Amino acid sequence: MTQQIPPILPLAPVERVIRKAGADRVSEGAGIELAKVLEDYGLEVSREAITLAKHAGRTTVKEEDIRLAVARIRRGN
């Protein structure tokens, strides 16, 4: 049996996102699954943003790096 690693993101805010989207009720499993998806996407964006910051000669990731990283990921680059 493989042990499941809990997501980094707290479940309450993730469940609020689902409710904000229109759900009346949210199961714990749904919150956990969305937290995993958000964490995976966040890591992908962060890695791309870090690459962009390094390319610019910086060690600090800035807001513009995140925005550009999201745009590049959405375009598939």
C-alpha atoms as a PDB file:
ATOM      1  CA  MET A   1       0.000   0.000   0.000  1.00  0.00           C
ATOM      2  CA  THR A   2       1.470   3.375  -1.018  1.00  0.00           C
ATOM      3  CA  GLN A   3       1.298   6.171   1.487  1.00  0.00           C
ATOM      4  CA  GLN A   4      -0.356   9.346   0.249  1.00  0.00           C
ATOM      5  CA  ILE A   5       1.513  12.584   0.891  1.00  0.00           C
ATOM      6  CA  PRO A   6      -0.873  15.361   1.952  1.00  0.00           C
ATOM      7  CA  PRO A   7      -0.867  18.526  -0.163  1.00  0.00           C
ATOM      8  CA  ILE A   8       1.035  21.603   1.022  1.00  0.00           C
ATOM      9  CA  LEU A   9      -1.989  23.873   0.584  1.00  0.00           C
ATOM     10  CA  PRO A  10      -4.470  24.014   3.487  1.00  0.00           C
ATOM     11  CA  LEU A  11      -7.795  22.395   2.604  1.00  0.00           C
ATOM     12  CA  ALA A  12     -10.099  25.127   3.944  1.00  0.00           C
ATOM     13  CA  PRO A  13      -9.029  27.806   1.413  1.00  0.00           C
ATOM     14  CA  VAL A  14      -9.027  25.248  -1.409  1.00  0.00           C
ATOM     15  CA  GLU A  15     -12.566  24.211  -0.502  1.00  0.00           C
ATOM     16  CA  ARG A  16     -13.562  27.898  -0.434  1.00  0.00           C
ATOM     17  CA  VAL A  17     -12.323  28.202  -4.019  1.00  0.00           C
ATOM     18  CA  ILE A  18     -14.623  25.347  -5.044  1.00  0.00           C
ATOM     19  CA  ARG A  19     -17.554  26.940  -3.191  1.00  0.00           C
ATOM     20  CA  LYS A  20     -16.764  30.316  -4.776  1.00  0.00           C
ATOM     21  CA  ALA A  21     -17.053  28.573  -8.147  1.00  0.00           C
ATOM     22  CA  GLY A  22     -20.624  27.651  -7.208  1.00  0.00           C
ATOM     23  CA  ALA A  23     -20.598  24.384  -5.242  1.00  0.00           C
ATOM     24  CA  ASP A  24     -22.963  24.183  -2.282  1.00  0.00           C
ATOM     25  CA  ARG A  25     -20.997  21.383  -0.638  1.00  0.00           C
ATOM     26  CA  VAL A  26     -17.473  20.047  -1.092  1.00  0.00           C
ATOM     27  CA  SER A  27     -16.195  16.630  -0.069  1.00  0.00           C
ATOM     28  CA  GLU A  28     -12.825  16.358   1.626  1.00  0.00           C
ATOM     29  CA  GLY A  29     -11.619  14.237  -1.295  1.00  0.00           C
ATOM     30  CA  ALA A  30     -12.509  16.997  -3.763  1.00  0.00           C
ATOM     31  CA  GLY A  31     -10.571  19.534  -1.710  1.00  0.00           C
ATOM     32  CA  ILE A  32      -7.546  17.244  -1.497  1.00  0.00           C
ATOM     33  CA  GLU A  33      -7.606  16.542  -5.233  1.00  0.00           C
ATOM     34  CA  LEU A  34      -7.863  20.237  -6.177  1.00  0.00           C
ATOM     35  CA  ALA A  35      -5.079  21.047  -3.696  1.00  0.00           C
ATOM     36  CA  LYS A  36      -2.845  18.519  -5.490  1.00  0.00           C
ATOM     37  CA  VAL A  37      -3.681  20.019  -8.886  1.00  0.00           C
ATOM     38  CA  LEU A  38      -3.047  23.568  -7.658  1.00  0.00           C
ATOM     39  CA  GLU A  39       0.214  22.507  -6.028  1.00  0.00           C
ATOM     40  CA  ASP A  40       1.410  20.804  -9.227  1.00  0.00           C
ATOM     41  CA  TYR A  41       0.526  23.863 -11.312  1.00  0.00           C
ATOM     42  CA  GLY A  42       2.114  26.184  -8.757  1.00  0.00           C
ATOM     43  CA  LEU A  43       5.335  24.194  -8.862  1.00  0.00           C
ATOM     44  CA  GLU A  44       5.353  24.290 -12.669  1.00  0.00           C
ATOM     45  CA  VAL A  45       4.834  28.069 -12.688  1.00  0.00           C
ATOM     46  CA  SER A  46       7.445  28.549  -9.968  1.00  0.00           C
ATOM     47  CA  ARG A  47      10.069  26.516 -11.808  1.00  0.00           C
ATOM     48  CA  GLU A  48       9.485  28.510 -14.990  1.00  0.00           C
ATOM     49  CA  ALA A  49       9.588  31.801 -13.037  1.00  0.00           C
ATOM     50  CA  ILE A  50      12.880  30.787 -11.414  1.00  0.00           C
ATOM     51  CA  THR A  51      14.318  30.056 -14.854  1.00  0.00           C
ATOM     52  CA  LEU A  52      13.213  33.495 -16.058  1.00  0.00           C
ATOM     53  CA  ALA A  53      14.689  35.247 -13.004  1.00  0.00           C
ATOM     54  CA  LYS A  54      18.010  33.440 -13.465  1.00  0.00           C
ATOM     55  CA  HIS A  55      18.024  34.351 -17.158  1.00  0.00           C
ATOM     56  CA  ALA A  56      17.621  37.997 -16.112  1.00  0.00           C
ATOM     57  CA  GLY A  57      20.583  37.631 -13.749  1.00  0.00           C
ATOM     58  CA  ARG A  58      18.484  37.731 -10.589  1.00  0.00           C
ATOM     59  CA  THR A  59      18.064  35.379  -7.646  1.00  0.00           C
ATOM     60  CA  THR A  60      14.783  37.021  -6.641  1.00  0.00           C
ATOM     61  CA  VAL A  61      11.603  35.862  -8.371  1.00  0.00           C
ATOM     62  CA  LYS A  62       9.428  38.875  -9.127  1.00  0.00           C
ATOM     63  CA  GLU A  63       5.757  39.324  -9.915  1.00  0.00           C
ATOM     64  CA  GLU A  64       6.632  39.841 -13.578  1.00  0.00           C
ATOM     65  CA  ASP A  65       8.422  36.459 -13.630  1.00  0.00           C
ATOM     66  CA  ILE A  66       5.283  34.734 -12.386  1.00  0.00           C
ATOM     67  CA  ARG A  67       3.098  36.520 -14.936  1.00  0.00           C
ATOM     68  CA  LEU A  68       5.470  35.700 -17.792  1.00  0.00           C
ATOM     69  CA  ALA A  69       5.814  32.097 -16.606  1.00  0.00           C
ATOM     70  CA  VAL A  70       2.013  31.650 -16.634  1.00  0.00           C
ATOM     71  CA  ALA A  71       1.798  33.153 -20.121  1.00  0.00           C
ATOM     72  CA  ARG A  72       4.572  30.882 -21.405  1.00  0.00           C
ATOM     73  CA  ILE A  73       2.972  27.778 -19.895  1.00  0.00           C
ATOM     74  CA  ARG A  74      -0.414  28.646 -21.349  1.00  0.00           C
ATOM     75  CA  ARG A  75       1.174  29.070 -24.785  1.00  0.00           C
ATOM     76  CA  GLY A  76       2.945  25.748 -24.374  1.00  0.00           C
ATOM     77  CA  ASN A  77       6.494  27.164 -24.449  1.00  0.00           C
END
